[in-house]
Amino acid sequence: EYIENFRNNLNYLLRSQNCTVTTLAKALNCTRDTIYKWLDGTYQPTLLNACKVAESFGVTLDELVKE
């Protein structure tokens, strides 16, 4: 369930903060493909990467993985 919430919240944050996958990938030092795979559910982010995503968007990890 938290993975689905992560995917939905990441999509929302990307749209609402006008952030591209490319920009986020550079900030996280990963590839765009990795982020696309998080978004489509192919891969799950590590805890460290989920924390980095939350920090990049100025939200808590709780906010990122909960409804």
C-alpha atoms as a PDB file:
ATOM      1  CA  GLU A   1       0.000   0.000   0.000  1.00  0.00           C
ATOM      2  CA  TYR A   2       2.770   2.460   0.810  1.00  0.00           C
ATOM      3  CA  ILE A   3       4.302   1.860  -2.634  1.00  0.00           C
ATOM      4  CA  GLU A   4       1.058   2.870  -4.326  1.00  0.00           C
ATOM      5  CA  ASN A   5       0.908   5.968  -2.113  1.00  0.00           C
ATOM      6  CA  PHE A   6       4.542   6.736  -2.943  1.00  0.00           C
ATOM      7  CA  ARG A   7       3.804   6.509  -6.670  1.00  0.00           C
ATOM      8  CA  ASN A   8       0.712   8.715  -6.422  1.00  0.00           C
ATOM      9  CA  ASN A   9       2.406  11.265  -4.193  1.00  0.00           C
ATOM     10  CA  LEU A  10       5.526  11.391  -6.361  1.00  0.00           C
ATOM     11  CA  ASN A  11       3.375  12.023  -9.431  1.00  0.00           C
ATOM     12  CA  TYR A  12       1.519  14.757  -7.555  1.00  0.00           C
ATOM     13  CA  LEU A  13       4.723  16.407  -6.321  1.00  0.00           C
ATOM     14  CA  LEU A  14       6.298  16.366  -9.764  1.00  0.00           C
ATOM     15  CA  ARG A  15       3.211  18.050 -11.252  1.00  0.00           C
ATOM     16  CA  SER A  16       2.493  20.487  -8.436  1.00  0.00           C
ATOM     17  CA  GLN A  17       6.079  21.684  -8.129  1.00  0.00           C
ATOM     18  CA  ASN A  18       6.600  21.793 -11.899  1.00  0.00           C
ATOM     19  CA  CYS A  19       9.547  19.419 -11.593  1.00  0.00           C
ATOM     20  CA  THR A  20      10.676  17.153 -14.406  1.00  0.00           C
ATOM     21  CA  VAL A  21      11.849  13.593 -14.019  1.00  0.00           C
ATOM     22  CA  THR A  22      15.193  14.721 -15.450  1.00  0.00           C
ATOM     23  CA  THR A  23      15.580  17.408 -12.777  1.00  0.00           C
ATOM     24  CA  LEU A  24      14.692  14.985  -9.994  1.00  0.00           C
ATOM     25  CA  ALA A  25      17.048  12.333 -11.373  1.00  0.00           C
ATOM     26  CA  LYS A  26      19.918  14.833 -11.345  1.00  0.00           C
ATOM     27  CA  ALA A  27      19.098  15.878  -7.779  1.00  0.00           C
ATOM     28  CA  LEU A  28      19.063  12.236  -6.647  1.00  0.00           C
ATOM     29  CA  ASN A  29      22.067  11.229  -8.751  1.00  0.00           C
ATOM     30  CA  CYS A  30      20.134   8.458 -10.477  1.00  0.00           C
ATOM     31  CA  THR A  31      18.748   7.861 -13.943  1.00  0.00           C
ATOM     32  CA  ARG A  32      15.426   9.018 -15.365  1.00  0.00           C
ATOM     33  CA  ASP A  33      14.639   5.358 -16.046  1.00  0.00           C
ATOM     34  CA  THR A  34      14.869   4.606 -12.335  1.00  0.00           C
ATOM     35  CA  ILE A  35      12.307   7.281 -11.529  1.00  0.00           C
ATOM     36  CA  TYR A  36      10.013   6.171 -14.352  1.00  0.00           C
ATOM     37  CA  LYS A  37      10.196   2.634 -12.947  1.00  0.00           C
ATOM     38  CA  TRP A  38       9.220   3.964  -9.512  1.00  0.00           C
ATOM     39  CA  LEU A  39       6.302   5.781 -11.117  1.00  0.00           C
ATOM     40  CA  ASP A  40       5.041   2.733 -12.981  1.00  0.00           C
ATOM     41  CA  GLY A  41       5.645   0.346 -10.086  1.00  0.00           C
ATOM     42  CA  THR A  42       8.371  -1.724 -11.754  1.00  0.00           C
ATOM     43  CA  TYR A  43      10.894  -0.817  -9.046  1.00  0.00           C
ATOM     44  CA  GLN A  44      10.553   0.283  -5.462  1.00  0.00           C
ATOM     45  CA  PRO A  45      12.860   2.979  -4.129  1.00  0.00           C
ATOM     46  CA  THR A  46      15.284   2.144  -1.368  1.00  0.00           C
ATOM     47  CA  LEU A  47      14.620   3.801   1.953  1.00  0.00           C
ATOM     48  CA  LEU A  48      17.578   6.108   1.331  1.00  0.00           C
ATOM     49  CA  ASN A  49      16.209   7.154  -2.071  1.00  0.00           C
ATOM     50  CA  ALA A  50      12.715   7.663  -0.676  1.00  0.00           C
ATOM     51  CA  CYS A  51      14.242   9.950   1.982  1.00  0.00           C
ATOM     52  CA  LYS A  52      16.112  11.856  -0.738  1.00  0.00           C
ATOM     53  CA  VAL A  53      12.893  12.285  -2.729  1.00  0.00           C
ATOM     54  CA  ALA A  54      11.088  13.600   0.342  1.00  0.00           C
ATOM     55  CA  GLU A  55      13.926  16.015   1.095  1.00  0.00           C
ATOM     56  CA  SER A  56      14.025  17.213  -2.526  1.00  0.00           C
ATOM     57  CA  PHE A  57      10.365  18.171  -2.370  1.00  0.00           C
ATOM     58  CA  GLY A  58      10.421  19.524   1.184  1.00  0.00           C
ATOM     59  CA  VAL A  59       8.064  16.917   2.591  1.00  0.00           C
ATOM     60  CA  THR A  60       8.470  14.282   5.266  1.00  0.00           C
ATOM     61  CA  LEU A  61       8.862  10.611   4.463  1.00  0.00           C
ATOM     62  CA  ASP A  62       5.489  10.064   6.138  1.00  0.00           C
ATOM     63  CA  GLU A  63       3.861  12.574   3.788  1.00  0.00           C
ATOM     64  CA  LEU A  64       5.489  10.850   0.821  1.00  0.00           C
ATOM     65  CA  VAL A  65       4.249   7.340   1.626  1.00  0.00           C
ATOM     66  CA  LYS A  66       0.902   7.963   3.290  1.00  0.00           C
ATOM     67  CA  GLU A  67      -2.388   9.009   1.731  1.00  0.00           C
END
